[in-house]
Amino acid sequence: MYLQQLSVINFKNYAEARLELSPGVNAFTGNNGAGKTNLLDAIHYLSLCKSYFNPIDSQQIKQDADFFIINGLFERNGHTESVACSVKRNQKKQFKRNKKDYQRLADHIGLFPLVMVSPYDVSIIIEGSEERRRFIDNVISQTDNQYLDELIAYNKIVLNRNAVLKRMSENGRFDVSLLEVYNEQMVTLGIKIFEKRKAFMDAFTPIFNEHYRFISNGAEQVELIYQSQLIDGDFNELLLKNADRDRILQRTSVGIHRDDLLFSIHGMPMKKFGSQGQQKSFLIALKLAQYSFLYQQKGFKPLLLLDDIFDKLDNLRVTKLMQMVSDHNFGQVFITDTSDKRVAEVFNAIDVSLKLFNVTGGEVYAES
C-alpha cells in the first residue's frame, strides 16, 4: 500500500498543490514555515480523517478561503483507490472513498494505516494521561473498526453521567436509580474497551521492548506498563463504592477514561528522570512499535511520516533509524527537513533512493 498522488486546495498555507509521489522515500525540504509539515498533515487526513496537530477542521482552511479539499490516490491490493476529504466553513466534513460518501468516518480508519513521528510527540511523555490514552486508541482504532464507535459511545455516557451528577448536586437530590442506568451502560462498554486495551498492550509491549533495545543499544532498562482501575477491580463495584465521591466531585472518578501508561527508566518515572535523549529514544521506540504492530495486524506496511527528525535527533538515533530504513523494514516514507543536502547525504550513505521536493511559501516542486 502506498500513496501515488496527493493534491490539496486551500489547505493551510497552500492555495493549490499536486504531487506525484515515490513508493519509497519522499522528502519535503525548505525553510521553517514554508509548509513542509502541512503536507504530512494532509496525508494524515487521508488516512485518519483528521489533522494530527489540530482537532478543529475549519482552522485548516487557508486564510480568506471558504473550504479546503484534499485528494489522494492510493495503491492498495493491486488496485488504485481514491480518497477525498473536503471541509466548508460551518458545514459537516465530507469524506469519500472511490467517490462514495462515508456514513461513518470510523469505517475508513485502518484502511490506509499510518504512523506519524513528530517533535510534538513529547507530549505523550510530559503531558497528562489523556495523551497516552490517545496513543493507545489511535493504534487500536486502526486495527478494530468497532473500537472507535465503542469509545465514542462510552465517552458520551460519561459526559451524560457527569451532567446528571452536577444537576443532582444543584438540586440537592441524589437519584440512585438514574445513576444505575448510566452505570450499567458504562460497565458494558467499559469492559469491552478495557479488554481490547489490555490485549493490545500484551501484544505491543514486547515489540516496544525490542525496538528500544535496538535504538539504545541495550544501554538502559525501561518499562511500559498499562494502568487501569479495572485490572484488579470489578467495574460495577468500583462505581458503587465511589458513588459518594462522585457526588461530591460532580464527575465520574472511576472507569477506563482514567487509564494511563506508566513510562519508567531504571525504575524511575521517565518524565522526571529520563534525559532528553532517553525520552526521544522512548518515543521513537513507541512509534516504531506502533508501525510493527500495525504491519503485523494488517499484513501490509503502513505509511511512515517523519517530521523534522534529523534536526531533533542525535547522530546515533538517526543512524539507527536509517539502518532500519535501509534494511527495507519500511514501505513508503515521508520526511521533512530544512536541508535538502543533509537528507540527500543521509540516504546516499545507506544507498536508498529518494524523491526530493522543495517547499517554498506554500508551493512545492519536485527536484529533478
Protein backbone atom coordinates (compact mmCIF):
# COMPACT_ATOMS: atom_id res chain seq x y z
CA MET A 1 0.00 0.00 0.00
CA TYR A 2 1.31 3.45 -0.89
CA LEU A 3 0.15 6.95 -1.82
CA GLN A 4 0.69 7.60 -5.52
CA GLN A 5 -0.63 11.13 -5.75
CA LEU A 6 -1.54 13.96 -3.37
CA SER A 7 -3.34 17.20 -4.18
CA VAL A 8 -4.58 19.99 -1.95
CA ILE A 9 -6.66 23.13 -2.48
CA ASN A 10 -6.89 25.91 0.12
CA PHE A 11 -5.30 23.69 2.76
CA LYS A 12 -3.42 25.67 5.42
CA ASN A 13 -0.87 27.80 3.53
CA TYR A 14 -1.44 26.09 0.14
CA ALA A 15 -3.69 27.64 -2.50
CA GLU A 16 -3.12 24.58 -4.68
CA ALA A 17 -0.53 21.82 -4.97
CA ARG A 18 -0.29 18.49 -6.75
CA LEU A 19 2.42 15.88 -6.15
CA GLU A 20 3.37 12.63 -7.88
CA LEU A 21 4.97 10.50 -5.16
CA SER A 22 7.53 7.73 -4.97
CA PRO A 23 6.52 4.38 -3.39
CA GLY A 24 9.82 4.61 -1.46
CA VAL A 25 11.19 7.66 0.37
CA ASN A 26 9.79 11.16 -0.25
CA ALA A 27 11.40 14.21 1.37
CA PHE A 28 9.94 17.71 1.66
CA THR A 29 12.68 20.27 2.26
CA GLY A 30 12.59 24.02 2.80
CA ASN A 31 12.78 26.74 5.42
CA ASN A 32 10.78 26.67 8.61
CA GLY A 33 7.23 27.91 7.98
CA ALA A 34 7.31 27.02 4.27
CA GLY A 35 4.59 24.36 4.64
CA LYS A 36 6.50 21.07 4.77
CA THR A 37 4.66 19.70 7.81
CA ASN A 38 1.34 20.77 6.28
CA LEU A 39 1.87 18.21 3.51
CA LEU A 40 2.36 15.48 6.11
CA ASP A 41 -0.82 16.64 7.81
CA ALA A 42 -2.74 16.41 4.52
CA ILE A 43 -1.59 12.78 4.23
CA HIS A 44 -2.68 12.22 7.84
CA TYR A 45 -6.16 13.50 6.89
CA LEU A 46 -6.40 10.97 4.06
CA SER A 47 -5.57 8.13 6.43
CA LEU A 48 -7.25 9.09 9.71
CA CYS A 49 -9.85 11.69 8.65
CA LYS A 50 -8.35 14.46 10.81
CA SER A 51 -5.34 16.65 11.44
CA TYR A 52 -2.50 15.30 13.56
CA PHE A 53 -1.97 18.69 15.17
CA ASN A 54 -5.33 20.48 15.44
CA PRO A 55 -8.76 18.86 16.02
CA ILE A 56 -10.70 21.83 14.55
CA ASP A 57 -11.19 21.18 10.83
CA SER A 58 -12.22 24.72 9.92
CA GLN A 59 -8.89 26.04 11.18
CA GLN A 60 -7.11 24.11 8.42
CA ILE A 61 -8.81 26.23 5.73
CA LYS A 62 -6.48 28.74 4.06
CA GLN A 63 -6.97 32.28 5.24
CA ASP A 64 -9.63 34.15 3.21
CA ALA A 65 -10.91 30.88 1.65
CA ASP A 66 -14.22 29.15 2.42
CA PHE A 67 -13.19 25.50 2.05
CA PHE A 68 -10.33 23.06 1.65
CA ILE A 69 -10.04 19.87 -0.39
CA ILE A 70 -7.50 17.05 -0.07
CA ASN A 71 -7.36 14.28 -2.66
CA GLY A 72 -5.19 11.19 -2.72
CA LEU A 73 -4.71 8.18 -4.97
CA PHE A 74 -3.57 5.03 -3.17
CA GLU A 75 -2.34 1.74 -4.50
CA ARG A 76 -3.79 -0.99 -2.29
CA ASN A 77 -4.05 -4.73 -3.00
CA GLY A 78 -3.16 -4.15 -6.64
CA HIS A 79 -5.92 -1.57 -7.16
CA THR A 80 -5.95 2.22 -7.32
CA GLU A 81 -8.31 3.82 -4.81
CA SER A 82 -9.23 7.48 -4.46
CA VAL A 83 -9.73 9.21 -1.12
CA ALA A 84 -11.10 12.74 -0.78
CA CYS A 85 -11.68 14.99 2.20
CA SER A 86 -13.43 18.37 1.98
CA VAL A 87 -14.37 20.90 4.62
CA LYS A 88 -16.53 24.00 4.12
CA ARG A 89 -16.93 26.60 6.82
CA ASN A 90 -19.93 25.91 9.07
CA GLN A 91 -20.65 22.62 7.32
CA LYS A 92 -20.05 18.98 8.13
CA LYS A 93 -16.81 17.41 6.89
CA GLN A 94 -17.23 15.22 3.82
CA PHE A 95 -15.12 12.12 3.28
CA LYS A 96 -15.23 9.86 0.24
CA ARG A 97 -13.51 6.71 -0.96
CA ASN A 98 -13.83 5.88 -4.65
CA LYS A 99 -16.31 8.81 -4.90
CA LYS A 100 -18.70 7.26 -2.36
CA ASP A 101 -19.57 9.14 0.83
CA TYR A 102 -18.94 7.56 4.19
CA GLN A 103 -21.86 7.44 6.59
CA ARG A 104 -19.41 6.76 9.43
CA LEU A 105 -15.82 8.01 9.35
CA ALA A 106 -14.90 5.08 11.62
CA ASP A 107 -15.40 2.81 8.58
CA HIS A 108 -12.39 4.46 6.92
CA ILE A 109 -9.97 4.24 9.84
CA GLY A 110 -7.47 1.44 9.31
CA LEU A 111 -7.87 1.01 5.55
CA PHE A 112 -4.74 3.11 4.93
CA PRO A 113 -2.78 2.79 8.19
CA LEU A 114 -0.27 5.47 9.10
CA VAL A 115 2.32 6.28 11.77
CA MET A 116 3.48 9.86 12.38
CA VAL A 117 6.67 10.75 14.27
CA SER A 118 6.78 14.43 15.26
CA PRO A 119 8.56 16.72 17.74
CA TYR A 120 5.10 17.27 19.26
CA ASP A 121 5.10 13.62 20.39
CA VAL A 122 6.99 14.60 23.55
CA SER A 123 3.55 15.47 24.95
CA ILE A 124 2.97 11.70 25.27
CA ILE A 125 5.62 11.67 27.99
CA ILE A 126 5.33 15.08 29.66
CA GLU A 127 1.59 15.80 29.45
CA GLY A 128 -1.35 14.13 31.22
CA SER A 129 -2.85 10.69 30.80
CA GLU A 130 -5.20 11.82 28.01
CA GLU A 131 -2.24 11.97 25.60
CA ARG A 132 -1.21 8.42 26.41
CA ARG A 133 -4.78 7.10 26.09
CA ARG A 134 -4.97 8.86 22.72
CA PHE A 135 -1.86 6.96 21.61
CA ILE A 136 -3.39 3.61 22.59
CA ASP A 137 -6.72 4.47 20.98
CA ASN A 138 -5.06 5.62 17.74
CA VAL A 139 -3.33 2.27 17.27
CA ILE A 140 -6.27 0.07 18.23
CA SER A 141 -8.75 2.02 16.11
CA GLN A 142 -6.60 1.31 13.01
CA THR A 143 -6.97 -2.44 13.61
CA ASP A 144 -10.53 -2.67 15.04
CA ASN A 145 -13.29 -0.76 13.27
CA GLN A 146 -15.72 -1.23 16.20
CA TYR A 147 -13.35 0.22 18.78
CA LEU A 148 -13.79 3.88 17.85
CA ASP A 149 -17.59 3.60 17.98
CA GLU A 150 -17.40 1.94 21.40
CA LEU A 151 -15.04 4.61 22.69
CA ILE A 152 -17.20 7.49 21.42
CA ALA A 153 -20.30 5.91 22.96
CA TYR A 154 -18.54 5.35 26.29
CA ASN A 155 -17.25 8.93 26.47
CA LYS A 156 -20.73 10.24 25.70
CA ILE A 157 -22.16 8.20 28.59
CA VAL A 158 -19.51 9.62 30.93
CA LEU A 159 -20.38 13.16 29.86
CA ASN A 160 -24.09 12.50 30.44
CA ARG A 161 -23.42 10.90 33.83
CA ASN A 162 -21.29 13.89 34.84
CA ALA A 163 -24.07 16.26 33.81
CA VAL A 164 -26.55 14.28 35.93
CA LEU A 165 -24.17 14.37 38.93
CA LYS A 166 -23.86 18.13 38.60
CA ARG A 167 -27.62 18.58 38.30
CA MET A 168 -28.20 16.36 41.34
CA SER A 169 -25.76 18.48 43.33
CA GLU A 170 -27.52 21.67 42.30
CA ASN A 171 -30.95 20.22 43.13
CA GLY A 172 -29.81 18.63 46.39
CA ARG A 173 -31.35 15.29 45.39
CA PHE A 174 -29.37 12.12 44.68
CA ASP A 175 -31.19 9.72 42.32
CA VAL A 176 -29.53 6.32 42.76
CA SER A 177 -31.76 4.56 40.21
CA LEU A 178 -30.85 7.04 37.45
CA LEU A 179 -27.16 6.60 38.13
CA GLU A 180 -27.58 2.82 37.98
CA VAL A 181 -28.81 3.15 34.40
CA TYR A 182 -25.67 5.04 33.43
CA ASN A 183 -23.53 2.61 35.44
CA GLU A 184 -24.88 -0.35 33.52
CA GLN A 185 -24.17 1.32 30.17
CA MET A 186 -20.68 2.33 31.27
CA VAL A 187 -19.82 -1.14 32.53
CA THR A 188 -20.97 -2.88 29.34
CA LEU A 189 -18.88 -0.66 27.06
CA GLY A 190 -16.05 -0.05 29.52
CA ILE A 191 -15.24 -3.73 29.94
CA LYS A 192 -15.12 -4.20 26.16
CA ILE A 193 -12.71 -1.28 25.78
CA PHE A 194 -10.59 -2.41 28.73
CA GLU A 195 -10.24 -5.92 27.36
CA LYS A 196 -9.19 -4.59 23.95
CA ARG A 197 -6.67 -2.22 25.51
CA LYS A 198 -5.22 -4.95 27.70
CA ALA A 199 -4.93 -7.40 24.79
CA PHE A 200 -3.27 -4.68 22.72
CA MET A 201 -0.75 -3.85 25.46
CA ASP A 202 0.05 -7.54 25.99
CA ALA A 203 0.98 -7.80 22.31
CA PHE A 204 2.52 -4.35 21.96
CA THR A 205 4.87 -4.25 24.97
CA PRO A 206 7.31 -6.96 23.79
CA ILE A 207 7.51 -5.23 20.39
CA PHE A 208 8.27 -1.91 22.11
CA ASN A 209 10.97 -3.51 24.29
CA GLU A 210 12.66 -4.95 21.22
CA HIS A 211 12.72 -1.59 19.43
CA TYR A 212 14.02 0.26 22.49
CA ARG A 213 16.87 -2.23 22.91
CA PHE A 214 17.80 -1.70 19.26
CA ILE A 215 17.72 2.11 19.38
CA SER A 216 19.58 2.40 22.71
CA ASN A 217 22.00 -0.48 22.08
CA GLY A 218 20.58 -2.11 25.21
CA ALA A 219 22.08 0.63 27.38
CA GLU A 220 19.03 1.24 29.59
CA GLN A 221 16.27 -0.67 31.32
CA VAL A 222 12.85 0.79 30.56
CA GLU A 223 9.30 -0.28 31.35
CA LEU A 224 5.97 0.31 29.67
CA ILE A 225 3.06 -0.60 31.94
CA TYR A 226 -0.67 -0.34 31.31
CA GLN A 227 -2.51 1.11 34.32
CA SER A 228 -6.26 0.66 34.72
CA GLN A 229 -8.60 0.56 37.68
CA LEU A 230 -10.24 -2.46 36.04
CA ILE A 231 -7.12 -4.64 36.22
CA ASP A 232 -7.76 -5.51 39.89
CA GLY A 233 -11.31 -4.24 40.33
CA ASP A 234 -14.86 -5.06 39.25
CA PHE A 235 -16.11 -2.05 37.29
CA ASN A 236 -19.64 -2.05 38.70
CA GLU A 237 -18.37 -2.38 42.26
CA LEU A 238 -15.95 0.48 41.68
CA LEU A 239 -18.80 2.72 40.54
CA LEU A 240 -20.92 1.79 43.57
CA LYS A 241 -18.05 2.29 46.04
CA ASN A 242 -17.26 5.71 44.59
CA ALA A 243 -20.84 6.98 44.30
CA ASP A 244 -20.49 9.38 47.25
CA ARG A 245 -17.15 10.63 45.98
CA ASP A 246 -18.61 11.20 42.50
CA ARG A 247 -21.47 13.13 44.05
CA ILE A 248 -19.05 15.44 45.86
CA LEU A 249 -16.75 15.86 42.84
CA GLN A 250 -19.72 16.13 40.44
CA ARG A 251 -17.88 13.88 37.97
CA THR A 252 -17.18 10.20 37.32
CA SER A 253 -13.95 9.35 39.13
CA VAL A 254 -13.50 5.71 38.07
CA GLY A 255 -13.51 3.94 34.74
CA ILE A 256 -11.43 3.32 31.64
CA HIS A 257 -11.40 7.08 30.93
CA ARG A 258 -8.83 7.18 33.77
CA ASP A 259 -6.50 4.61 32.17
CA ASP A 260 -2.85 5.54 31.76
CA LEU A 261 0.53 4.24 30.62
CA LEU A 262 3.45 4.24 33.04
CA PHE A 263 6.80 5.03 31.41
CA SER A 264 9.87 4.32 33.54
CA ILE A 265 13.65 4.10 33.20
CA HIS A 266 15.67 2.13 35.75
CA GLY A 267 12.52 2.00 37.87
CA MET A 268 12.02 5.78 37.92
CA PRO A 269 9.46 7.92 36.02
CA MET A 270 10.72 8.72 32.51
CA LYS A 271 9.10 12.16 32.69
CA LYS A 272 11.28 13.24 35.65
CA PHE A 273 14.41 11.12 35.38
CA GLY A 274 14.86 10.47 31.66
CA SER A 275 17.29 12.67 29.76
CA GLN A 276 16.11 14.34 26.54
CA GLY A 277 17.95 11.67 24.57
CA GLN A 278 16.36 8.85 26.56
CA GLN A 279 12.91 10.39 26.16
CA LYS A 280 13.46 10.66 22.40
CA SER A 281 14.59 7.03 22.26
CA PHE A 282 11.48 6.03 24.20
CA LEU A 283 9.19 7.95 21.82
CA ILE A 284 10.82 6.56 18.70
CA ALA A 285 10.57 3.03 20.11
CA LEU A 286 6.87 3.65 20.81
CA LYS A 287 6.22 4.82 17.26
CA LEU A 288 8.27 2.10 15.60
CA ALA A 289 6.50 -0.48 17.74
CA GLN A 290 3.22 1.05 16.57
CA TYR A 291 4.43 0.61 13.00
CA SER A 292 5.44 -3.02 13.58
CA PHE A 293 2.18 -3.82 15.34
CA LEU A 294 0.08 -2.34 12.52
CA TYR A 295 2.17 -4.21 9.97
CA GLN A 296 1.58 -7.50 11.82
CA GLN A 297 -2.14 -6.88 12.17
CA LYS A 298 -2.84 -5.52 8.67
CA GLY A 299 -0.47 -7.70 6.66
CA PHE A 300 0.98 -4.74 4.73
CA LYS A 301 3.23 -1.82 5.62
CA PRO A 302 1.68 1.44 6.88
CA LEU A 303 2.81 4.86 5.72
CA LEU A 304 5.59 6.31 7.88
CA LEU A 305 5.72 10.09 8.35
CA LEU A 306 8.86 11.58 9.95
CA ASP A 307 8.52 15.28 10.75
CA ASP A 308 11.71 17.25 11.35
CA ILE A 309 13.53 14.31 12.95
CA PHE A 310 17.06 14.93 11.65
CA ASP A 311 17.09 18.28 13.43
CA LYS A 312 15.80 16.82 16.70
CA LEU A 313 17.77 13.56 16.98
CA ASP A 314 21.43 12.94 17.64
CA ASN A 315 23.56 11.04 15.14
CA LEU A 316 23.26 7.70 16.95
CA ARG A 317 19.46 7.66 16.78
CA VAL A 318 19.39 8.93 13.20
CA THR A 319 21.85 6.19 12.24
CA LYS A 320 19.75 3.52 13.97
CA LEU A 321 16.55 4.73 12.32
CA MET A 322 18.13 4.92 8.89
CA GLN A 323 19.62 1.46 9.38
CA MET A 324 16.06 0.16 9.67
CA VAL A 325 15.05 2.05 6.53
CA SER A 326 17.99 0.59 4.61
CA ASP A 327 17.03 -2.90 5.78
CA HIS A 328 13.69 -2.33 3.97
CA ASN A 329 11.70 -2.63 7.18
CA PHE A 330 9.50 0.24 6.00
CA GLY A 331 7.32 0.81 2.96
CA GLN A 332 6.55 4.35 1.84
CA VAL A 333 8.27 7.03 3.94
CA PHE A 334 7.70 10.80 4.09
CA ILE A 335 10.29 13.08 5.67
CA THR A 336 10.53 16.83 6.29
CA ASP A 337 13.80 18.67 6.83
CA THR A 338 15.23 22.16 6.40
CA SER A 339 18.23 20.91 4.39
CA ASP A 340 17.95 19.03 1.11
CA LYS A 341 21.72 18.45 1.25
CA ARG A 342 21.51 16.75 4.64
CA VAL A 343 18.65 14.48 3.54
CA ALA A 344 20.43 13.55 0.32
CA GLU A 345 23.64 12.71 2.20
CA VAL A 346 21.80 10.52 4.72
CA PHE A 347 20.09 8.43 2.06
CA ASN A 348 23.12 8.26 -0.23
CA ALA A 349 25.04 6.83 2.72
CA ILE A 350 22.58 3.95 3.10
CA ASP A 351 22.06 3.54 -0.66
CA VAL A 352 18.31 4.19 -0.57
CA SER A 353 16.66 6.04 -3.47
CA LEU A 354 14.97 9.33 -2.61
CA LYS A 355 12.50 11.69 -4.24
CA LEU A 356 13.08 15.29 -3.15
CA PHE A 357 10.51 18.08 -3.13
CA ASN A 358 11.40 21.70 -2.44
CA VAL A 359 8.79 23.65 -0.49
CA THR A 360 8.74 27.45 -0.62
CA GLY A 361 5.96 29.66 0.71
CA GLY A 362 3.10 27.25 0.12
CA GLU A 363 4.42 25.98 -3.24
CA VAL A 364 6.11 22.64 -3.80
CA TYR A 365 8.32 21.46 -6.65
CA ALA A 366 9.87 18.08 -7.35
CA GLU A 367 13.64 18.30 -7.76
CA SER A 368 14.99 16.68 -10.89
